[in-house]
Protein backbone atom coordinates (compact mmCIF):
# COMPACT_ATOMS: atom_id res chain seq x y z
CA MET A 1 97.83 179.44 -32.46
CA SER A 2 101.24 179.77 -30.80
CA ALA A 3 101.71 181.16 -27.29
CA LYS A 4 103.27 184.29 -28.77
CA ASP A 5 100.38 184.77 -31.20
CA ALA A 6 97.88 184.39 -28.36
CA ILE A 7 99.41 187.03 -26.11
CA PHE A 8 99.71 189.42 -29.07
CA ASP A 9 96.08 188.85 -30.06
CA VAL A 10 94.82 192.26 -28.95
CA ASP A 11 91.15 191.40 -29.49
CA LEU A 12 91.43 188.23 -27.40
CA THR A 13 93.43 189.96 -24.67
CA GLU A 14 91.12 192.92 -24.34
CA ARG A 15 88.00 190.74 -24.28
CA PHE A 16 89.62 188.65 -21.56
CA LEU A 17 90.53 191.74 -19.51
CA ASP A 18 86.96 193.00 -19.95
CA ALA A 19 85.65 189.60 -18.69
CA LYS A 20 84.05 188.90 -22.08
CA ALA A 21 86.19 185.97 -23.27
CA THR A 22 84.71 182.49 -23.53
CA PRO A 23 86.02 179.74 -21.24
CA GLU A 24 87.92 178.28 -24.20
CA GLU A 25 89.50 181.66 -24.95
CA GLN A 26 90.37 182.16 -21.29
CA GLU A 27 92.19 178.83 -21.30
CA ARG A 28 93.98 179.55 -24.59
CA LEU A 29 95.27 182.86 -23.29
CA GLY A 30 96.01 181.48 -19.81
CA ARG A 31 98.16 178.65 -21.15
CA ALA A 32 99.95 181.05 -23.51
CA PHE A 33 100.53 183.58 -20.73
CA ALA A 34 101.98 180.85 -18.47
CA GLU A 35 104.64 180.22 -21.12
CA TYR A 36 106.12 183.65 -20.37
CA TYR A 37 105.03 184.47 -16.80
CA PRO A 38 106.75 185.62 -14.70
CA ALA A 39 108.56 187.62 -17.39
CA GLU A 40 112.32 187.17 -17.23
CA ASN A 41 115.03 189.46 -18.47
CA SER A 42 116.06 187.14 -21.30
CA LEU A 43 112.74 187.58 -23.12
CA PRO A 44 112.72 189.69 -26.28
CA GLN A 45 111.65 193.22 -25.36
CA GLU A 46 108.38 193.10 -27.31
CA ILE A 47 107.29 189.91 -25.50
CA ASP A 48 108.43 191.24 -22.13
CA ASP A 49 106.42 194.42 -22.69
CA ARG A 50 103.33 192.46 -23.70
CA VAL A 51 103.51 190.10 -20.72
CA ARG A 52 103.97 193.01 -18.35
CA TYR A 53 101.04 194.84 -19.92
CA ILE A 54 98.72 191.88 -19.27
CA ALA A 55 100.14 191.29 -15.79
CA ASP A 56 99.69 194.94 -14.85
CA GLN A 57 95.95 194.68 -15.53
CA LEU A 58 95.61 191.79 -13.05
CA ASP A 59 96.82 191.51 -9.48
CA PRO A 60 98.93 188.43 -8.62
CA PRO A 61 96.07 186.61 -6.81
CA ALA A 62 93.89 187.01 -9.92
CA ILE A 63 96.63 185.51 -12.10
CA ARG A 64 96.97 182.55 -9.75
CA MET A 65 93.20 182.03 -9.71
CA TRP A 66 93.22 182.10 -13.51
CA PHE A 67 96.10 179.61 -13.71
CA ARG A 68 94.51 177.30 -11.14
CA HIS A 69 91.94 176.18 -13.71
CA TYR A 70 94.48 174.64 -16.10
CA PRO A 71 96.55 171.51 -15.41
CA GLY A 72 100.23 171.51 -16.32
CA LEU A 73 102.43 174.59 -16.28
CA PRO A 74 99.75 177.07 -15.08
CA ARG A 75 98.88 175.00 -12.00
CA PHE A 76 102.55 174.22 -11.39
CA ILE A 77 103.33 177.95 -11.22
CA THR A 78 100.36 178.46 -8.91
CA SER A 79 101.60 175.72 -6.56
CA LEU A 80 104.96 177.46 -6.23
CA TYR A 81 103.35 180.79 -5.42
CA GLU A 82 101.05 179.16 -2.85
CA LEU A 83 104.04 177.63 -1.07
CA ILE A 84 105.79 181.01 -1.04
CA ASP A 85 102.66 182.57 0.48
CA LEU A 86 102.51 179.81 3.10
CA ILE A 87 106.13 180.33 4.15
CA GLU A 88 105.51 184.07 4.51
CA MET A 89 102.76 183.33 7.05
CA PHE A 90 105.03 181.52 9.53
CA GLU A 91 106.03 183.31 12.74
CA GLU A 92 108.73 182.53 15.27
CA ASP A 93 106.30 180.99 17.78
CA ASP A 94 104.40 178.95 15.20
CA TRP A 95 104.01 175.31 16.21
CA THR A 96 105.32 174.20 12.82
CA VAL A 97 108.52 176.20 13.29
CA ASP A 98 108.90 174.74 16.79
CA ASN A 99 108.56 171.24 15.38
CA ILE A 100 111.18 171.90 12.70
CA ARG A 101 113.59 172.54 15.57
CA THR A 102 113.19 168.91 16.60
CA ILE A 103 114.17 167.39 13.24
CA ASP A 104 117.31 167.40 11.14
CA VAL A 105 117.19 169.56 8.05
CA PRO A 106 118.01 167.31 5.07
CA GLU A 107 121.65 167.47 3.99
CA GLN A 108 120.65 168.58 0.49
CA LEU A 109 119.13 171.75 1.97
CA GLN A 110 122.02 172.68 4.25
CA TYR A 111 123.50 175.18 1.81
CA GLU A 112 120.13 176.98 1.75
CA TRP A 113 119.58 176.85 5.49
CA ASN A 114 120.44 179.58 7.96
CA LYS A 115 121.14 177.69 11.19
CA ASN A 116 120.55 180.73 13.42
CA THR A 117 116.80 180.18 13.53
CA GLU A 118 114.36 177.90 11.78
CA LEU A 119 112.29 180.90 10.72
CA ALA A 120 115.35 182.41 9.03
CA GLY A 121 115.91 179.07 7.31
CA LEU A 122 112.38 179.12 5.96
CA ALA A 123 112.89 182.72 4.83
CA MET A 124 115.97 181.60 2.89
CA MET A 125 113.88 178.87 1.23
CA LYS A 126 111.22 181.43 0.33
CA SER A 127 113.82 183.77 -1.16
CA SER A 128 115.34 180.97 -3.24
CA LEU A 129 111.92 179.85 -4.46
CA ASP A 130 111.05 183.43 -5.37
CA GLY A 131 114.27 183.84 -7.32
CA ALA A 132 113.95 180.54 -9.14
CA LEU A 133 110.35 181.30 -10.07
CA ASN A 134 111.08 184.83 -11.23
CA HIS A 135 113.85 183.48 -13.46
CA ARG A 136 111.64 180.59 -14.62
CA ARG A 137 114.14 178.01 -13.33
CA PHE A 138 111.31 175.52 -12.96
CA PRO A 139 113.35 172.29 -12.49
CA TYR A 140 115.16 173.86 -9.53
CA ALA A 141 112.06 175.61 -8.16
CA GLY A 142 110.14 172.34 -8.32
CA TRP A 143 112.93 170.43 -6.58
CA LEU A 144 113.20 173.00 -3.79
CA ALA A 145 109.43 173.22 -3.31
CA ASP A 146 109.22 169.41 -3.12
CA GLU A 147 111.96 169.34 -0.46
CA VAL A 148 110.38 172.13 1.60
CA LEU A 149 106.95 170.46 1.49
CA GLN A 150 108.47 167.18 2.67
CA LEU A 151 110.23 169.05 5.48
CA LEU A 152 106.93 170.62 6.56
CA LEU A 153 105.23 167.22 6.40
CA ARG A 154 107.87 165.84 8.77
CA ALA A 155 107.20 168.80 11.09
CA CYS A 156 103.58 167.60 11.34
CA ASP A 157 104.86 164.59 13.28
CA GLY A 158 106.47 166.77 15.94
CA PRO A 159 105.24 167.32 19.49
CA ARG A 160 103.82 170.84 19.14
CA GLY A 161 100.37 171.71 17.80
CA SER A 162 97.08 169.95 18.43
CA LYS A 163 96.46 166.67 16.67
CA ARG A 164 93.62 168.28 14.72
CA ARG A 165 95.79 171.14 13.48
CA ARG A 166 98.71 168.85 12.60
CA ASN A 167 96.45 166.43 10.73
CA GLY A 168 94.71 169.25 8.88
CA PHE A 169 98.00 170.84 7.88
CA ARG A 170 99.38 167.45 6.82
CA LYS A 171 96.36 166.93 4.56
CA ASP A 172 96.79 170.36 2.96
CA LEU A 173 100.52 169.82 2.42
CA THR A 174 99.91 166.40 0.87
CA VAL A 175 97.41 167.88 -1.58
CA THR A 176 99.89 170.63 -2.51
CA LEU A 177 102.78 168.20 -2.94
CA THR A 178 100.70 165.87 -5.10
CA ALA A 179 99.53 168.76 -7.27
CA LEU A 180 103.09 170.07 -7.62
CA ARG A 181 104.40 166.71 -8.82
CA GLU A 182 101.45 165.90 -11.08
CA ASN A 183 101.47 169.28 -12.81
CA ALA A 184 105.24 169.24 -13.22
CA THR A 185 104.90 165.90 -14.99
CA LEU A 186 102.15 167.26 -17.24
CA ALA A 187 104.35 170.26 -18.07
CA GLY A 188 107.38 168.05 -18.81
CA ILE A 189 109.35 169.49 -15.89
CA SER A 190 111.87 167.17 -14.21
CA PHE A 191 113.06 168.36 -10.81
CA SER A 192 116.76 169.11 -10.45
CA ALA A 193 118.89 170.40 -7.59
CA GLU A 194 121.39 171.73 -10.12
CA LEU A 195 121.20 175.43 -10.85
CA PRO A 196 121.93 176.55 -14.42
CA GLU A 197 125.29 178.27 -14.93
CA ASP A 198 123.63 181.63 -15.66
CA TRP A 199 121.74 181.65 -12.32
């Protein structure tokens, strides 16, 4: 069954939304749904409408929880959303943001970085990740997420924050980075800093 056939299988979809689908059916639909989610403007209207119908029945955290079960593209998408959520949690007086002030932002990120404040720089990263994800520009989104995670890992070596908090955050970031790379590989996604011409 193709991804398109799966999302247009009304019986399967409705049983899933009613929490009556088998684990195998949940995976089949989840992997198919990941092929089109988030919906982008270039999708044929009938597919866009169908994806939005399914998405409207689930809140974003439920979609991410669903995707988290399946290696490859679903987990890759989830990793990107989790990084976006993490960036949104930072505040100006956060020890991580303070530590970023002590390191050089990599040259390859300079065009993304607002030098006024580190928090504004992170907000720019979040906005770019959001845009790339919403347009399904996965090679670029993966590249940017990888760079941001490495930047945050370097911040864990800074002077601010207790050793316990820095080590705990470092462990979490390492798990996220590993998952991002592994699931990109499984999905056949090669990271690229080059944006497509129609971006």
